């Protein structure tokens, strides 16, 4: 059957080529009869015909590409002046409930438990626990909730609870990787501990730290595959505050190293309160004088440092950008924002006058808000929306294209900018 089909195609092409040549021959004969004596090569005419067809196709493709580019630029630069409430959901305990984006759904947690809800606020699953001061960390479709200054940790994925941990010391903070592994800083009084747990809550490793060596741990981050744990320590050396960033490798590469530390960097006179993995092989240390980038899957190395002169009042980041905010003396422009790529190159610098209390990156947008105002800025520095809200804002983040979750004291609104 396949051979028959191919033979039919060949015959069709031969007939089509024969018809084209016959048409060109007729045109040549008619030209000769009308007194034009120049010779017309049928193959040249056929080549010209094909060239014309290719040219028309290229022009059409260019026009389509131009329309698409114009549409993208329009969307990028377009600003909105209002918003429309698509859906409202009233909660009984809105004051103690917090929200985080988890995959394409919403992770909701409180002192009494956690749940996963859809964009329409329909419950996917719900789990109970008892905590006094729950704090969550979410990475893709994994989440950990830790009772700060307590002893309980709960680990979740898109299906629900995967494990719980009862710690021997009080919890300072806990972080989760996209693979579900958890790192926790524990305060044991004179000593601190940095423990590493599996997604089911089982203990993988524990590291005791002292103030004199290597210092007090301020923050911890985990690589996506759970192989590397990044920790920032602070200690005083000769009256000067010094920071130390250590990378622990829990794979084969780190098994022969002391305390599994495969690389470490000391920064004199610098405070590093926050570290974060930005992707599979890249991480960042956010310093009080800028930031330092590291690269490497097994043995992370310093890649680039960006230092600034002004005092940093806020930072924000995601896998594509790192932002720093400085305060200005000008009354017209209270702040200056500098946004960098994750290779350390300046993307844009922008002065703005929005009295925010919270700033973060949500799904590629820079979001700012205080109790009554909110602002949406895209990754190029274009303000998409800035305005006041009828109610008291508790949280605000992006959940889809031009869709945002606005958490107010009297309920939750799913909104669309218009």
Protein backbone atom coordinates (compact mmCIF):
# COMPACT_ATOMS: atom_id res chain seq x y z
CA UNK A 1 0.00 0.00 0.00
CA UNK A 2 2.88 2.36 0.91
CA UNK A 3 4.64 1.64 -2.42
CA UNK A 4 1.44 2.33 -4.35
CA UNK A 5 1.06 5.67 -2.57
CA UNK A 6 4.65 6.67 -3.33
CA UNK A 7 4.21 5.71 -7.00
CA UNK A 8 1.07 7.82 -7.18
CA UNK A 9 2.96 10.81 -5.73
CA UNK A 10 5.76 10.41 -8.27
CA UNK A 11 3.27 10.26 -11.16
CA UNK A 12 1.49 13.34 -9.82
CA UNK A 13 4.77 15.33 -9.61
CA UNK A 14 5.75 14.26 -13.17
CA UNK A 15 2.35 15.32 -14.53
CA UNK A 16 2.58 18.66 -12.69
CA UNK A 17 6.11 19.35 -14.01
CA UNK A 18 5.06 18.34 -17.55
CA UNK A 19 2.05 20.70 -17.38
CA UNK A 20 4.28 23.59 -16.19
CA UNK A 21 6.73 23.01 -19.06
CA UNK A 22 3.87 22.81 -21.61
CA UNK A 23 2.44 26.10 -20.32
CA UNK A 24 5.83 27.80 -20.60
CA UNK A 25 6.27 26.42 -24.17
CA UNK A 26 2.89 27.83 -25.17
CA UNK A 27 3.86 31.23 -23.78
CA UNK A 28 7.10 31.10 -25.79
CA UNK A 29 5.22 30.26 -28.99
CA UNK A 30 2.70 33.06 -28.42
CA UNK A 31 5.55 35.50 -27.82
CA UNK A 32 7.19 34.47 -31.10
CA UNK A 33 3.90 34.95 -33.00
CA UNK A 34 3.47 38.44 -31.58
CA UNK A 35 6.84 39.52 -32.92
CA UNK A 36 9.00 39.06 -29.83
CA UNK A 37 12.03 37.00 -30.83
CA UNK A 38 13.88 36.67 -27.48
CA UNK A 39 14.33 33.07 -26.32
CA UNK A 40 12.61 31.93 -23.14
CA UNK A 41 14.21 29.06 -21.28
CA UNK A 42 11.40 27.01 -19.66
CA UNK A 43 13.72 25.92 -16.81
CA UNK A 44 14.65 29.54 -16.09
CA UNK A 45 10.99 30.53 -15.98
CA UNK A 46 10.23 27.63 -13.67
CA UNK A 47 13.11 28.66 -11.37
CA UNK A 48 11.81 32.25 -11.34
CA UNK A 49 8.34 30.97 -10.45
CA UNK A 50 9.68 28.95 -7.54
CA UNK A 51 11.82 31.88 -6.34
CA UNK A 52 8.75 34.14 -6.42
CA UNK A 53 6.77 31.62 -4.40
CA UNK A 54 9.55 31.33 -1.78
CA UNK A 55 9.80 35.14 -1.59
CA UNK A 56 6.05 35.47 -0.98
CA UNK A 57 6.23 32.81 1.75
CA UNK A 58 9.15 34.63 3.42
CA UNK A 59 7.29 37.95 3.31
CA UNK A 60 4.19 36.33 4.84
CA UNK A 61 6.31 34.76 7.64
CA UNK A 62 8.00 38.11 8.32
CA UNK A 63 4.62 39.87 8.55
CA UNK A 64 3.33 37.23 10.99
CA UNK A 65 6.52 37.50 13.10
CA UNK A 66 6.15 41.27 13.14
CA UNK A 67 2.55 41.03 14.32
CA UNK A 68 3.57 38.61 17.10
CA UNK A 69 6.45 40.87 18.19
CA UNK A 70 4.18 43.92 18.20
CA UNK A 71 1.65 42.01 20.32
CA UNK A 72 4.33 40.94 22.80
CA UNK A 73 5.66 44.51 23.09
CA UNK A 74 2.11 45.80 23.57
CA UNK A 75 1.47 43.33 26.39
CA UNK A 76 4.88 44.12 27.96
CA UNK A 77 4.35 47.88 27.95
CA UNK A 78 0.63 47.96 28.58
CA UNK A 79 -0.48 49.45 31.90
CA UNK A 80 -3.76 48.78 33.70
CA UNK A 81 -5.80 51.29 35.66
CA UNK A 82 -8.28 49.03 37.40
CA UNK A 83 -8.94 45.45 38.44
CA UNK A 84 -11.91 43.15 38.30
CA UNK A 85 -12.86 40.72 41.10
CA UNK A 86 -13.38 37.31 39.51
CA UNK A 87 -14.14 35.38 42.68
CA UNK A 88 -14.53 36.03 46.39
CA UNK A 89 -13.95 33.53 49.19
CA UNK A 90 -14.63 34.40 52.82
CA UNK A 91 -12.59 32.56 55.45
CA UNK A 92 -13.55 32.12 59.10
CA UNK A 93 -9.98 32.60 60.39
CA UNK A 94 -8.37 34.94 57.87
CA UNK A 95 -6.12 36.55 60.49
CA UNK A 96 -4.08 33.44 61.35
CA UNK A 97 -4.16 31.79 57.88
CA UNK A 98 -1.31 32.36 55.44
CA UNK A 99 -1.00 31.57 51.72
CA UNK A 100 1.77 30.53 49.33
CA UNK A 101 1.72 29.54 45.67
CA UNK A 102 2.48 25.81 45.30
CA UNK A 103 2.82 24.64 41.70
CA UNK A 104 -0.36 25.78 39.95
CA UNK A 105 -2.34 25.69 43.20
CA UNK A 106 -2.41 27.55 46.54
CA UNK A 107 -0.93 26.25 49.80
CA UNK A 108 -2.88 27.47 52.82
CA UNK A 109 -1.61 27.00 56.39
CA UNK A 110 -2.45 28.09 59.94
CA UNK A 111 -1.66 26.98 63.52
CA UNK A 112 -4.31 24.25 63.17
CA UNK A 113 -3.27 22.67 59.87
CA UNK A 114 -2.55 23.01 56.17
CA UNK A 115 -4.47 22.49 52.96
CA UNK A 116 -4.02 22.72 49.20
CA UNK A 117 -6.68 24.55 47.21
CA UNK A 118 -7.26 25.15 43.51
CA UNK A 119 -7.45 28.53 41.80
CA UNK A 120 -11.18 28.46 42.49
CA UNK A 121 -10.42 27.93 46.22
CA UNK A 122 -11.71 24.36 46.11
CA UNK A 123 -9.95 22.08 48.62
CA UNK A 124 -7.70 19.39 47.11
CA UNK A 125 -6.57 17.98 50.49
CA UNK A 126 -6.47 19.07 54.13
CA UNK A 127 -4.22 17.98 57.02
CA UNK A 128 -4.31 18.91 60.71
CA UNK A 129 -1.50 19.61 63.21
CA UNK A 130 -0.98 21.89 66.20
CA UNK A 131 1.62 24.68 66.11
CA UNK A 132 2.04 28.00 67.88
CA UNK A 133 4.03 29.94 65.27
CA UNK A 134 3.98 28.13 61.90
CA UNK A 135 6.25 29.33 59.09
CA UNK A 136 6.23 27.75 55.62
CA UNK A 137 8.76 27.33 52.85
CA UNK A 138 7.51 26.22 49.41
CA UNK A 139 9.53 25.02 46.42
CA UNK A 140 7.56 24.05 43.31
CA UNK A 141 5.08 21.36 44.52
CA UNK A 142 6.79 20.70 47.90
CA UNK A 143 6.21 22.52 51.19
CA UNK A 144 7.47 22.42 54.76
CA UNK A 145 5.79 24.05 57.76
CA UNK A 146 7.91 24.52 60.90
CA UNK A 147 6.80 25.69 64.34
CA UNK A 148 9.30 28.47 64.97
CA UNK A 149 10.63 28.30 68.55
CA UNK A 150 8.76 25.01 68.80
CA UNK A 151 9.67 21.40 67.99
CA UNK A 152 7.41 20.26 65.13
CA UNK A 153 7.98 20.14 61.37
CA UNK A 154 5.43 18.91 58.80
CA UNK A 155 6.37 18.06 55.19
CA UNK A 156 3.91 18.11 52.27
CA UNK A 157 3.66 17.51 48.54
CA UNK A 158 0.78 17.85 46.06
CA UNK A 159 -0.84 14.69 47.47
CA UNK A 160 -0.76 15.78 51.13
CA UNK A 161 1.36 15.06 54.23
CA UNK A 162 4.53 13.02 53.55
CA UNK A 163 6.20 13.13 56.96
CA UNK A 164 6.52 14.82 60.36
CA UNK A 165 9.51 15.59 62.58
CA UNK A 166 9.76 16.21 66.31
CA UNK A 167 13.06 17.95 67.03
CA UNK A 168 15.13 17.77 70.20
CA UNK A 169 15.89 21.49 70.08
CA UNK A 170 13.85 24.56 69.24
CA UNK A 171 13.44 25.39 65.54
CA UNK A 172 14.97 28.57 64.11
CA UNK A 173 13.94 27.94 60.49
CA UNK A 174 13.39 25.16 57.95
CA UNK A 175 13.88 25.04 54.18
CA UNK A 176 12.77 22.51 51.55
CA UNK A 177 14.14 21.51 48.14
CA UNK A 178 12.09 20.70 45.04
CA UNK A 179 12.93 17.02 45.69
CA UNK A 180 11.29 17.20 49.16
CA UNK A 181 14.43 17.10 51.33
CA UNK A 182 14.43 19.45 54.34
CA UNK A 183 17.17 21.35 56.19
CA UNK A 184 16.49 22.85 59.61
CA UNK A 185 18.46 25.16 61.91
CA UNK A 186 17.93 24.18 65.55
CA UNK A 187 18.92 26.19 68.64
CA UNK A 188 20.42 24.08 71.41
CA UNK A 189 21.44 26.96 73.67
CA UNK A 190 25.24 27.13 73.65
CA UNK A 191 25.35 25.12 70.41
CA UNK A 192 23.26 25.04 67.27
CA UNK A 193 22.42 22.18 64.94
CA UNK A 194 21.80 22.00 61.23
CA UNK A 195 19.87 18.82 60.48
CA UNK A 196 19.04 17.26 57.13
CA UNK A 197 15.84 15.20 56.70
CA UNK A 198 14.21 13.06 54.04
CA UNK A 199 10.73 13.78 52.64
CA UNK A 200 9.29 11.22 55.09
CA UNK A 201 10.88 13.01 58.07
CA UNK A 202 13.76 10.56 58.57
CA UNK A 203 17.07 12.05 59.75
CA UNK A 204 19.76 11.93 57.05
CA UNK A 205 22.51 13.96 58.75
CA UNK A 206 23.09 16.33 61.65
CA UNK A 207 25.80 18.96 62.06
CA UNK A 208 26.65 20.56 65.39
CA UNK A 209 27.96 24.11 65.14
CA UNK A 210 29.58 26.37 67.74
CA UNK A 211 29.75 30.15 67.96
CA UNK A 212 33.53 30.14 67.74
CA UNK A 213 33.71 27.69 64.82
CA UNK A 214 32.22 28.11 62.27
CA UNK A 215 29.78 30.61 63.85
CA UNK A 216 26.06 31.09 64.31
CA UNK A 217 23.97 29.87 61.33
CA UNK A 218 21.73 32.59 59.89
CA UNK A 219 20.20 30.82 56.90
CA UNK A 220 20.25 27.56 54.95
CA UNK A 221 19.35 26.55 51.38
CA UNK A 222 19.23 23.22 49.52
CA UNK A 223 19.97 22.39 45.88
CA UNK A 224 17.10 21.01 43.79
CA UNK A 225 18.38 17.43 43.93
CA UNK A 226 19.10 17.65 47.66
CA UNK A 227 22.83 16.94 47.22
CA UNK A 228 24.17 20.33 48.39
CA UNK A 229 23.25 22.24 51.54
CA UNK A 230 24.36 25.89 51.62
CA UNK A 231 24.72 27.60 55.01
CA UNK A 232 25.67 31.15 55.97
CA UNK A 233 27.37 31.61 59.36
CA UNK A 234 28.24 34.76 61.28
CA UNK A 235 30.96 35.20 63.90
CA UNK A 236 33.09 37.96 65.42
CA UNK A 237 36.80 37.93 64.63
CA UNK A 238 38.97 40.52 66.35
CA UNK A 239 35.98 42.75 66.99
CA UNK A 240 34.89 42.64 63.34
CA UNK A 241 31.76 40.89 62.10
CA UNK A 242 32.68 38.15 59.63
CA UNK A 243 30.53 35.83 57.54
CA UNK A 244 31.30 32.34 56.28
CA UNK A 245 29.37 30.57 53.48
CA UNK A 246 29.77 26.77 53.49
CA UNK A 247 28.63 24.16 50.97
CA UNK A 248 27.97 20.65 52.33
CA UNK A 249 27.86 17.77 49.83
CA UNK A 250 25.82 14.73 50.94
CA UNK A 251 26.67 12.71 47.83
CA UNK A 252 29.72 10.65 46.96
CA UNK A 253 31.89 13.74 46.37
CA UNK A 254 31.54 14.94 49.96
CA UNK A 255 31.99 11.68 51.85
CA UNK A 256 35.79 12.10 52.20
CA UNK A 257 35.69 15.78 53.21
CA UNK A 258 35.71 17.06 56.79
CA UNK A 259 32.09 17.57 57.87
CA UNK A 260 31.28 17.07 54.14
CA UNK A 261 32.22 20.71 53.41
CA UNK A 262 33.41 20.78 49.78
CA UNK A 263 33.86 24.56 49.52
CA UNK A 264 33.65 27.57 51.83
CA UNK A 265 34.20 31.33 51.61
CA UNK A 266 34.96 33.91 54.30
CA UNK A 267 33.84 37.55 54.04
CA UNK A 268 35.30 40.02 56.53
CA UNK A 269 33.19 42.94 57.68
CA UNK A 270 30.12 41.60 55.86
CA UNK A 271 26.77 40.28 57.10
CA UNK A 272 25.06 37.62 54.93
CA UNK A 273 21.56 37.10 56.33
CA UNK A 274 20.14 35.11 53.40
CA UNK A 275 21.20 32.40 50.95
CA UNK A 276 19.15 30.79 48.20
CA UNK A 277 19.44 28.30 45.35
CA UNK A 278 18.30 29.91 42.07
CA UNK A 279 18.45 26.77 39.93
CA UNK A 280 20.09 23.38 39.67
CA UNK A 281 23.68 24.63 39.74
CA UNK A 282 23.46 28.27 40.82
CA UNK A 283 23.01 29.89 44.22
CA UNK A 284 23.28 33.36 45.72
CA UNK A 285 24.37 34.88 49.02
CA UNK A 286 22.54 38.15 49.68
CA UNK A 287 24.96 40.41 51.54
CA UNK A 288 24.50 43.74 53.31
CA UNK A 289 26.70 45.26 50.58
CA UNK A 290 25.36 43.43 47.51
CA UNK A 291 25.37 39.76 46.54
CA UNK A 292 27.66 36.92 45.51
CA UNK A 293 26.78 34.25 42.94
CA UNK A 294 28.07 30.67 43.00
CA UNK A 295 28.04 27.94 40.36
CA UNK A 296 28.71 24.21 40.45
CA UNK A 297 26.66 21.04 40.82
CA UNK A 298 29.03 19.15 43.14
CA UNK A 299 31.61 21.73 44.32
CA UNK A 300 30.13 25.24 44.10
CA UNK A 301 32.59 28.04 43.31
CA UNK A 302 32.34 31.82 43.43
CA UNK A 303 31.18 33.11 40.05
CA UNK A 304 30.64 36.85 40.56
CA UNK A 305 30.15 39.45 43.28
CA UNK A 306 28.16 42.67 42.90
CA UNK A 307 28.90 45.33 45.52
CA UNK A 308 26.92 48.52 46.16
CA UNK A 309 27.68 51.65 48.17
CA UNK A 310 24.17 52.51 49.40
CA UNK A 311 22.40 50.78 52.27
CA UNK A 312 20.12 47.99 51.07
CA UNK A 313 16.62 48.14 52.55
CA UNK A 314 15.01 45.21 50.65
CA UNK A 315 15.96 42.29 48.41
CA UNK A 316 13.95 40.00 46.13
CA UNK A 317 14.81 37.23 43.68
CA UNK A 318 13.71 34.31 41.56
CA UNK A 319 15.49 32.02 39.08
CA UNK A 320 15.82 34.87 36.55
CA UNK A 321 16.48 38.03 38.56
CA UNK A 322 17.96 39.49 41.74
CA UNK A 323 16.65 42.83 43.02
CA UNK A 324 18.05 45.38 45.48
CA UNK A 325 16.17 48.39 46.85
CA UNK A 326 17.82 51.51 48.32
CA UNK A 327 16.25 54.49 50.05
CA UNK A 328 16.50 57.91 48.39
CA UNK A 329 16.67 61.35 50.00
CA UNK A 330 14.24 62.75 47.41
CA UNK A 331 10.63 63.26 48.48
CA UNK A 332 9.39 62.67 44.93
CA UNK A 333 11.18 59.33 44.58
CA UNK A 334 11.49 57.49 47.88
CA UNK A 335 13.35 54.44 46.56
CA UNK A 336 15.72 53.24 43.85
CA UNK A 337 15.51 49.68 42.54
CA UNK A 338 18.33 47.83 40.80
CA UNK A 339 17.45 44.54 39.13
CA UNK A 340 20.16 42.15 37.92
CA UNK A 341 20.21 38.97 35.88
CA UNK A 342 21.36 35.81 37.63
CA UNK A 343 24.71 36.24 35.87
CA UNK A 344 25.20 39.55 37.71
CA UNK A 345 24.42 41.93 34.82
CA UNK A 346 22.29 45.01 35.54
CA UNK A 347 18.89 44.68 33.79
CA UNK A 348 17.43 48.03 34.80
CA UNK A 349 17.54 50.77 37.42
CA UNK A 350 14.36 52.56 38.44
CA UNK A 351 13.33 55.26 40.90
CA UNK A 352 9.86 54.86 42.39
CA UNK A 353 7.65 56.36 45.06
CA UNK A 354 5.56 53.48 46.41
CA UNK A 355 5.49 53.25 50.22
CA UNK A 356 5.60 49.44 50.31
CA UNK A 357 5.98 47.18 53.33
CA UNK A 358 6.38 43.94 51.33
CA UNK A 359 8.22 43.36 48.05
CA UNK A 360 8.72 40.00 46.30
CA UNK A 361 8.88 38.29 42.93
CA UNK A 362 5.81 36.25 42.01
CA UNK A 363 5.67 34.33 38.72
CA UNK A 364 8.02 36.78 36.99
CA UNK A 365 6.38 39.96 38.33
CA UNK A 366 7.71 42.27 41.05
CA UNK A 367 4.86 42.81 43.53
CA UNK A 368 4.75 45.51 46.20
CA UNK A 369 2.07 46.30 48.73
CA UNK A 370 1.28 47.94 52.04
CA UNK A 371 -1.99 47.72 53.97
CA UNK A 372 -4.00 49.66 51.37
CA UNK A 373 -1.94 49.96 48.16
CA UNK A 374 -0.56 47.44 45.69
CA UNK A 375 1.75 47.67 42.70
CA UNK A 376 2.59 45.21 39.90
CA UNK A 377 5.83 45.71 37.95
CA UNK A 378 7.09 43.41 35.20
CA UNK A 379 10.64 42.08 34.85
CA UNK A 380 11.59 45.04 32.61
CA UNK A 381 10.61 47.67 35.16
CA UNK A 382 7.27 48.63 33.59
CA UNK A 383 4.59 49.38 36.20
CA UNK A 384 1.55 47.38 35.09
CA UNK A 385 -0.73 48.53 37.89
CA UNK A 386 -0.55 50.79 40.92
CA UNK A 387 -3.53 51.71 43.04
CA UNK A 388 -5.43 51.51 46.30
CA UNK A 389 -7.63 48.68 47.53
CA UNK A 390 -10.94 48.79 49.36
CA UNK A 391 -9.87 46.82 52.43
CA UNK A 392 -6.76 45.90 54.38
CA UNK A 393 -4.19 43.86 52.43
CA UNK A 394 -2.53 40.94 54.19
CA UNK A 395 -0.95 39.25 51.17
CA UNK A 396 -0.80 39.52 47.40
CA UNK A 397 0.71 37.19 44.78
CA UNK A 398 0.32 36.09 41.17
CA UNK A 399 -1.46 32.81 40.40
CA UNK A 400 -1.74 32.89 36.58
CA UNK A 401 -1.60 35.09 33.51
CA UNK A 402 -3.02 38.44 34.65
CA UNK A 403 -4.56 36.67 37.67
CA UNK A 404 -3.69 37.57 41.27
CA UNK A 405 -4.72 36.40 44.72
CA UNK A 406 -5.50 39.37 46.94
CA UNK A 407 -5.76 38.37 50.62
CA UNK A 408 -7.71 40.90 52.66
CA UNK A 409 -8.69 40.91 56.31
CA UNK A 410 -12.33 40.24 55.39
CA UNK A 411 -11.71 37.53 52.78
CA UNK A 412 -9.88 36.52 49.62
CA UNK A 413 -10.36 37.96 46.14
CA UNK A 414 -9.20 36.44 42.88
CA UNK A 415 -8.63 39.48 40.67
CA UNK A 416 -7.77 40.33 37.06
CA UNK A 417 -6.15 43.59 36.02
CA UNK A 418 -8.24 45.58 33.56
